[in-house]
Amino acid sequence: MGTYGFIRLAMPLFPEAAMDFTPVIMTLSVIGIVYGALVSMVQPDLKKLVAFSSVSHLGFVMLGMVAYNAMGVSGSVLQMVNHGLSTGALFLIVGMIYERRHTRLIADFGALPR
């Protein structure tokens, strides 16, 4: 909802501020992408892995949004929809795995990669 609010409210209401803060937003987006990816690689918990990979994906949404062209913004909106569907499904799968095994730790699953 934050990225959608940014594209629907913050950018149209404050276009000069959005343009002024573009380098900051781009820098924070790249940091979020790298940080989310690195932290998700070392998570022992499936739910935290999905959550931190979500941070990484939303960094790509923000990068596309601050490109300020039609292709970047439309790609950003498409990625928001994709992210909502896939992350919801991943949390559902984690919940189903937890209900069967009563653990979310990756090390406790023999067939899943450690």
N, C-alpha and C. Protein backbone atom coordinates (compact mmCIF):
# COMPACT_ATOMS: atom_id res chain seq x y z
N MET A 1 0.82 -1.19 0.00
CA MET A 1 0.00 0.00 0.00
C MET A 1 0.87 1.26 0.00
N GLY A 2 2.05 1.17 0.56
CA GLY A 2 2.91 2.35 0.60
C GLY A 2 3.36 2.80 -0.78
N THR A 3 3.72 1.86 -1.62
CA THR A 3 4.17 2.23 -2.96
C THR A 3 3.00 2.74 -3.80
N TYR A 4 1.82 2.15 -3.62
CA TYR A 4 0.65 2.62 -4.34
C TYR A 4 0.27 4.02 -3.87
N GLY A 5 0.35 4.26 -2.57
CA GLY A 5 0.07 5.60 -2.04
C GLY A 5 1.07 6.62 -2.56
N PHE A 6 2.31 6.19 -2.71
CA PHE A 6 3.32 7.11 -3.23
C PHE A 6 3.02 7.50 -4.66
N ILE A 7 2.61 6.51 -5.47
CA ILE A 7 2.37 6.80 -6.88
C ILE A 7 1.06 7.57 -7.08
N ARG A 8 0.06 7.34 -6.22
CA ARG A 8 -1.24 7.99 -6.39
C ARG A 8 -1.38 9.30 -5.62
N LEU A 9 -0.65 9.47 -4.54
CA LEU A 9 -0.81 10.66 -3.72
C LEU A 9 0.43 11.55 -3.70
N ALA A 10 1.55 10.99 -3.31
CA ALA A 10 2.74 11.81 -3.10
C ALA A 10 3.27 12.43 -4.39
N MET A 11 3.34 11.64 -5.44
CA MET A 11 3.89 12.17 -6.69
C MET A 11 2.97 13.22 -7.33
N PRO A 12 1.65 13.00 -7.41
CA PRO A 12 0.80 14.04 -8.01
C PRO A 12 0.64 15.29 -7.13
N LEU A 13 0.59 15.12 -5.82
CA LEU A 13 0.41 16.27 -4.94
C LEU A 13 1.68 17.10 -4.76
N PHE A 14 2.81 16.44 -4.77
CA PHE A 14 4.09 17.12 -4.53
C PHE A 14 5.10 16.76 -5.62
N PRO A 15 4.85 17.18 -6.87
CA PRO A 15 5.75 16.77 -7.96
C PRO A 15 7.16 17.34 -7.84
N GLU A 16 7.28 18.58 -7.37
CA GLU A 16 8.63 19.16 -7.24
C GLU A 16 9.44 18.44 -6.17
N ALA A 17 8.79 18.15 -5.06
CA ALA A 17 9.49 17.44 -3.99
C ALA A 17 9.88 16.04 -4.44
N ALA A 18 9.00 15.38 -5.20
CA ALA A 18 9.33 14.05 -5.70
C ALA A 18 10.53 14.10 -6.63
N MET A 19 10.58 15.12 -7.47
CA MET A 19 11.73 15.27 -8.38
C MET A 19 13.00 15.62 -7.60
N ASP A 20 12.87 16.45 -6.58
CA ASP A 20 14.04 16.83 -5.79
C ASP A 20 14.63 15.65 -5.02
N PHE A 21 13.77 14.77 -4.55
CA PHE A 21 14.22 13.64 -3.74
C PHE A 21 14.47 12.38 -4.57
N THR A 22 14.46 12.48 -5.88
CA THR A 22 14.69 11.33 -6.74
C THR A 22 16.03 10.64 -6.46
N PRO A 23 17.15 11.37 -6.34
CA PRO A 23 18.42 10.67 -6.04
C PRO A 23 18.39 9.95 -4.70
N VAL A 24 17.74 10.55 -3.72
CA VAL A 24 17.65 9.90 -2.40
C VAL A 24 16.80 8.64 -2.49
N ILE A 25 15.67 8.73 -3.19
CA ILE A 25 14.77 7.58 -3.32
C ILE A 25 15.47 6.46 -4.10
N MET A 26 16.19 6.82 -5.15
CA MET A 26 16.90 5.80 -5.93
C MET A 26 17.98 5.13 -5.09
N THR A 27 18.71 5.91 -4.32
CA THR A 27 19.75 5.35 -3.46
C THR A 27 19.16 4.41 -2.42
N LEU A 28 18.09 4.86 -1.77
CA LEU A 28 17.44 4.02 -0.77
C LEU A 28 16.83 2.76 -1.39
N SER A 29 16.35 2.86 -2.63
CA SER A 29 15.80 1.70 -3.31
C SER A 29 16.88 0.66 -3.58
N VAL A 30 18.02 1.10 -4.05
CA VAL A 30 19.13 0.17 -4.32
C VAL A 30 19.63 -0.45 -3.01
N ILE A 31 19.72 0.37 -1.96
CA ILE A 31 20.12 -0.17 -0.66
C ILE A 31 19.10 -1.21 -0.19
N GLY A 32 17.81 -0.93 -0.36
CA GLY A 32 16.77 -1.87 0.03
C GLY A 32 16.83 -3.16 -0.76
N ILE A 33 17.13 -3.05 -2.05
CA ILE A 33 17.24 -4.25 -2.89
C ILE A 33 18.38 -5.13 -2.40
N VAL A 34 19.54 -4.54 -2.22
CA VAL A 34 20.72 -5.31 -1.82
C VAL A 34 20.56 -5.83 -0.39
N TYR A 35 20.10 -4.96 0.52
CA TYR A 35 19.93 -5.36 1.92
C TYR A 35 18.89 -6.47 2.06
N GLY A 36 17.76 -6.33 1.40
CA GLY A 36 16.73 -7.36 1.48
C GLY A 36 17.20 -8.68 0.94
N ALA A 37 17.97 -8.64 -0.15
CA ALA A 37 18.47 -9.89 -0.74
C ALA A 37 19.51 -10.55 0.17
N LEU A 38 20.42 -9.76 0.71
CA LEU A 38 21.46 -10.34 1.56
C LEU A 38 20.89 -10.88 2.87
N VAL A 39 19.97 -10.16 3.47
CA VAL A 39 19.39 -10.61 4.73
C VAL A 39 18.50 -11.83 4.51
N SER A 40 17.79 -11.87 3.40
CA SER A 40 16.93 -13.03 3.15
C SER A 40 17.75 -14.29 2.87
N MET A 41 18.97 -14.13 2.37
CA MET A 41 19.79 -15.31 2.10
C MET A 41 20.23 -16.03 3.38
N VAL A 42 20.30 -15.32 4.50
CA VAL A 42 20.80 -15.94 5.73
C VAL A 42 19.69 -16.23 6.74
N GLN A 43 18.44 -16.10 6.34
CA GLN A 43 17.34 -16.32 7.28
C GLN A 43 17.12 -17.81 7.51
N PRO A 44 17.04 -18.22 8.77
CA PRO A 44 16.72 -19.62 9.05
C PRO A 44 15.21 -19.88 9.04
N ASP A 45 14.40 -18.83 9.08
CA ASP A 45 12.94 -18.93 9.17
C ASP A 45 12.33 -18.61 7.81
N LEU A 46 11.41 -19.48 7.36
CA LEU A 46 10.78 -19.28 6.06
C LEU A 46 9.97 -17.98 6.00
N LYS A 47 9.27 -17.65 7.07
CA LYS A 47 8.43 -16.46 7.07
C LYS A 47 9.29 -15.19 6.97
N LYS A 48 10.40 -15.17 7.67
CA LYS A 48 11.30 -14.02 7.59
C LYS A 48 11.95 -13.94 6.21
N LEU A 49 12.22 -15.08 5.62
CA LEU A 49 12.80 -15.09 4.28
C LEU A 49 11.85 -14.44 3.29
N VAL A 50 10.57 -14.78 3.37
CA VAL A 50 9.58 -14.17 2.47
C VAL A 50 9.46 -12.68 2.75
N ALA A 51 9.48 -12.29 4.01
CA ALA A 51 9.35 -10.88 4.37
C ALA A 51 10.52 -10.05 3.87
N PHE A 52 11.74 -10.53 4.05
CA PHE A 52 12.89 -9.75 3.60
C PHE A 52 13.03 -9.76 2.08
N SER A 53 12.63 -10.83 1.43
CA SER A 53 12.65 -10.79 -0.04
C SER A 53 11.60 -9.82 -0.55
N SER A 54 10.53 -9.61 0.21
CA SER A 54 9.52 -8.63 -0.14
C SER A 54 10.11 -7.21 -0.12
N VAL A 55 10.97 -6.94 0.84
CA VAL A 55 11.65 -5.64 0.90
C VAL A 55 12.47 -5.43 -0.36
N SER A 56 13.15 -6.46 -0.78
CA SER A 56 13.97 -6.38 -1.98
C SER A 56 13.12 -6.12 -3.22
N HIS A 57 11.99 -6.80 -3.34
CA HIS A 57 11.12 -6.62 -4.50
C HIS A 57 10.53 -5.22 -4.55
N LEU A 58 10.18 -4.67 -3.41
CA LEU A 58 9.60 -3.33 -3.40
C LEU A 58 10.64 -2.26 -3.73
N GLY A 59 11.90 -2.57 -3.57
CA GLY A 59 12.94 -1.65 -4.04
C GLY A 59 12.90 -1.50 -5.55
N PHE A 60 12.63 -2.59 -6.25
CA PHE A 60 12.48 -2.52 -7.71
C PHE A 60 11.25 -1.71 -8.11
N VAL A 61 10.20 -1.82 -7.32
CA VAL A 61 8.99 -1.03 -7.59
C VAL A 61 9.32 0.46 -7.50
N MET A 62 10.03 0.85 -6.46
CA MET A 62 10.36 2.26 -6.29
C MET A 62 11.33 2.75 -7.37
N LEU A 63 12.25 1.92 -7.77
CA LEU A 63 13.17 2.33 -8.84
C LEU A 63 12.42 2.59 -10.14
N GLY A 64 11.48 1.73 -10.47
CA GLY A 64 10.69 1.94 -11.67
C GLY A 64 9.82 3.18 -11.58
N MET A 65 9.33 3.44 -10.38
CA MET A 65 8.44 4.58 -10.18
C MET A 65 9.17 5.91 -10.36
N VAL A 66 10.39 5.99 -9.85
CA VAL A 66 11.12 7.26 -9.95
C VAL A 66 11.88 7.39 -11.26
N ALA A 67 11.64 6.49 -12.20
CA ALA A 67 12.20 6.67 -13.53
C ALA A 67 11.46 7.79 -14.27
N TYR A 68 10.22 8.07 -13.86
CA TYR A 68 9.40 9.15 -14.40
C TYR A 68 9.20 9.04 -15.91
N ASN A 69 9.02 7.83 -16.39
CA ASN A 69 8.58 7.64 -17.76
C ASN A 69 7.48 6.58 -17.77
N ALA A 70 6.78 6.48 -18.87
CA ALA A 70 5.61 5.59 -18.93
C ALA A 70 5.99 4.13 -18.71
N MET A 71 7.09 3.71 -19.28
CA MET A 71 7.49 2.31 -19.15
C MET A 71 7.88 1.99 -17.70
N GLY A 72 8.60 2.88 -17.05
CA GLY A 72 9.01 2.64 -15.67
C GLY A 72 7.83 2.60 -14.71
N VAL A 73 6.89 3.54 -14.88
CA VAL A 73 5.73 3.60 -13.98
C VAL A 73 4.80 2.41 -14.23
N SER A 74 4.57 2.07 -15.50
CA SER A 74 3.69 0.92 -15.77
C SER A 74 4.34 -0.39 -15.30
N GLY A 75 5.63 -0.51 -15.45
CA GLY A 75 6.33 -1.68 -14.93
C GLY A 75 6.27 -1.74 -13.41
N SER A 76 6.34 -0.58 -12.79
CA SER A 76 6.24 -0.51 -11.34
C SER A 76 4.86 -0.96 -10.85
N VAL A 77 3.82 -0.51 -11.53
CA VAL A 77 2.46 -0.92 -11.17
C VAL A 77 2.27 -2.42 -11.40
N LEU A 78 2.78 -2.93 -12.49
CA LEU A 78 2.69 -4.36 -12.77
C LEU A 78 3.43 -5.17 -11.70
N GLN A 79 4.59 -4.70 -11.30
CA GLN A 79 5.35 -5.39 -10.26
C GLN A 79 4.62 -5.33 -8.92
N MET A 80 3.91 -4.23 -8.64
CA MET A 80 3.13 -4.15 -7.40
C MET A 80 2.04 -5.22 -7.38
N VAL A 81 1.34 -5.39 -8.50
CA VAL A 81 0.29 -6.41 -8.58
C VAL A 81 0.91 -7.80 -8.45
N ASN A 82 1.99 -8.05 -9.18
CA ASN A 82 2.68 -9.35 -9.10
C ASN A 82 3.17 -9.63 -7.69
N HIS A 83 3.72 -8.61 -7.06
CA HIS A 83 4.25 -8.78 -5.71
C HIS A 83 3.13 -9.11 -4.73
N GLY A 84 2.00 -8.45 -4.85
CA GLY A 84 0.88 -8.71 -3.96
C GLY A 84 0.37 -10.14 -4.09
N LEU A 85 0.27 -10.61 -5.31
CA LEU A 85 -0.22 -11.98 -5.53
C LEU A 85 0.80 -13.02 -5.08
N SER A 86 2.04 -12.84 -5.48
CA SER A 86 3.04 -13.87 -5.16
C SER A 86 3.38 -13.89 -3.68
N THR A 87 3.48 -12.74 -3.04
CA THR A 87 3.81 -12.72 -1.62
C THR A 87 2.67 -13.28 -0.78
N GLY A 88 1.45 -12.96 -1.16
CA GLY A 88 0.31 -13.56 -0.47
C GLY A 88 0.30 -15.06 -0.59
N ALA A 89 0.61 -15.56 -1.78
CA ALA A 89 0.66 -17.01 -1.99
C ALA A 89 1.82 -17.64 -1.21
N LEU A 90 2.96 -16.95 -1.17
CA LEU A 90 4.10 -17.50 -0.41
C LEU A 90 3.80 -17.57 1.08
N PHE A 91 3.15 -16.54 1.63
CA PHE A 91 2.79 -16.59 3.05
C PHE A 91 1.77 -17.69 3.30
N LEU A 92 0.87 -17.93 2.36
CA LEU A 92 -0.09 -19.03 2.48
C LEU A 92 0.63 -20.38 2.51
N ILE A 93 1.60 -20.55 1.62
CA ILE A 93 2.37 -21.79 1.58
C ILE A 93 3.17 -21.99 2.87
N VAL A 94 3.77 -20.91 3.37
CA VAL A 94 4.51 -21.02 4.63
C VAL A 94 3.56 -21.42 5.76
N GLY A 95 2.37 -20.85 5.77
CA GLY A 95 1.38 -21.22 6.78
C GLY A 95 0.96 -22.67 6.67
N MET A 96 0.80 -23.15 5.46
CA MET A 96 0.43 -24.55 5.27
C MET A 96 1.56 -25.48 5.73
N ILE A 97 2.80 -25.13 5.41
CA ILE A 97 3.95 -25.93 5.86
C ILE A 97 4.03 -25.92 7.38
N TYR A 98 3.78 -24.76 7.99
CA TYR A 98 3.84 -24.67 9.45
C TYR A 98 2.76 -25.53 10.10
N GLU A 99 1.57 -25.55 9.53
CA GLU A 99 0.49 -26.36 10.09
C GLU A 99 0.78 -27.86 10.03
N ARG A 100 1.53 -28.27 9.03
CA ARG A 100 1.86 -29.70 8.91
C ARG A 100 3.03 -30.10 9.80
N ARG A 101 4.06 -29.25 9.86
CA ARG A 101 5.29 -29.62 10.55
C ARG A 101 5.49 -28.90 11.89
N HIS A 102 4.71 -27.85 12.15
CA HIS A 102 4.80 -27.04 13.38
C HIS A 102 6.19 -26.44 13.57
N THR A 103 6.80 -26.09 12.48
CA THR A 103 8.08 -25.37 12.50
C THR A 103 8.21 -24.61 11.19
N ARG A 104 8.90 -23.48 11.27
CA ARG A 104 9.18 -22.71 10.05
C ARG A 104 10.68 -22.67 9.75
N LEU A 105 11.47 -23.36 10.54
CA LEU A 105 12.92 -23.35 10.35
C LEU A 105 13.30 -24.20 9.14
N ILE A 106 14.07 -23.61 8.27
CA ILE A 106 14.46 -24.29 7.03
C ILE A 106 15.30 -25.52 7.32
N ALA A 107 16.10 -25.48 8.36
CA ALA A 107 16.98 -26.61 8.70
C ALA A 107 16.19 -27.85 9.10
N ASP A 108 14.95 -27.68 9.52
CA ASP A 108 14.14 -28.82 9.94
C ASP A 108 13.49 -29.56 8.78
N PHE A 109 13.63 -29.04 7.58
CA PHE A 109 13.04 -29.68 6.41
C PHE A 109 14.15 -30.35 5.63
N GLY A 110 14.08 -31.66 5.49
CA GLY A 110 15.15 -32.39 4.81
C GLY A 110 15.15 -32.18 3.31
N ALA A 111 13.98 -32.01 2.69
CA ALA A 111 13.91 -31.92 1.24
C ALA A 111 14.10 -30.50 0.73
N LEU A 112 13.97 -29.51 1.61
CA LEU A 112 14.17 -28.13 1.18
C LEU A 112 15.63 -27.75 1.35
N PRO A 113 16.14 -26.87 0.48
CA PRO A 113 17.56 -26.47 0.60
C PRO A 113 17.82 -25.70 1.88
N ARG A 114 18.99 -25.90 2.42
CA ARG A 114 19.35 -25.24 3.69
C ARG A 114 19.96 -23.90 3.45
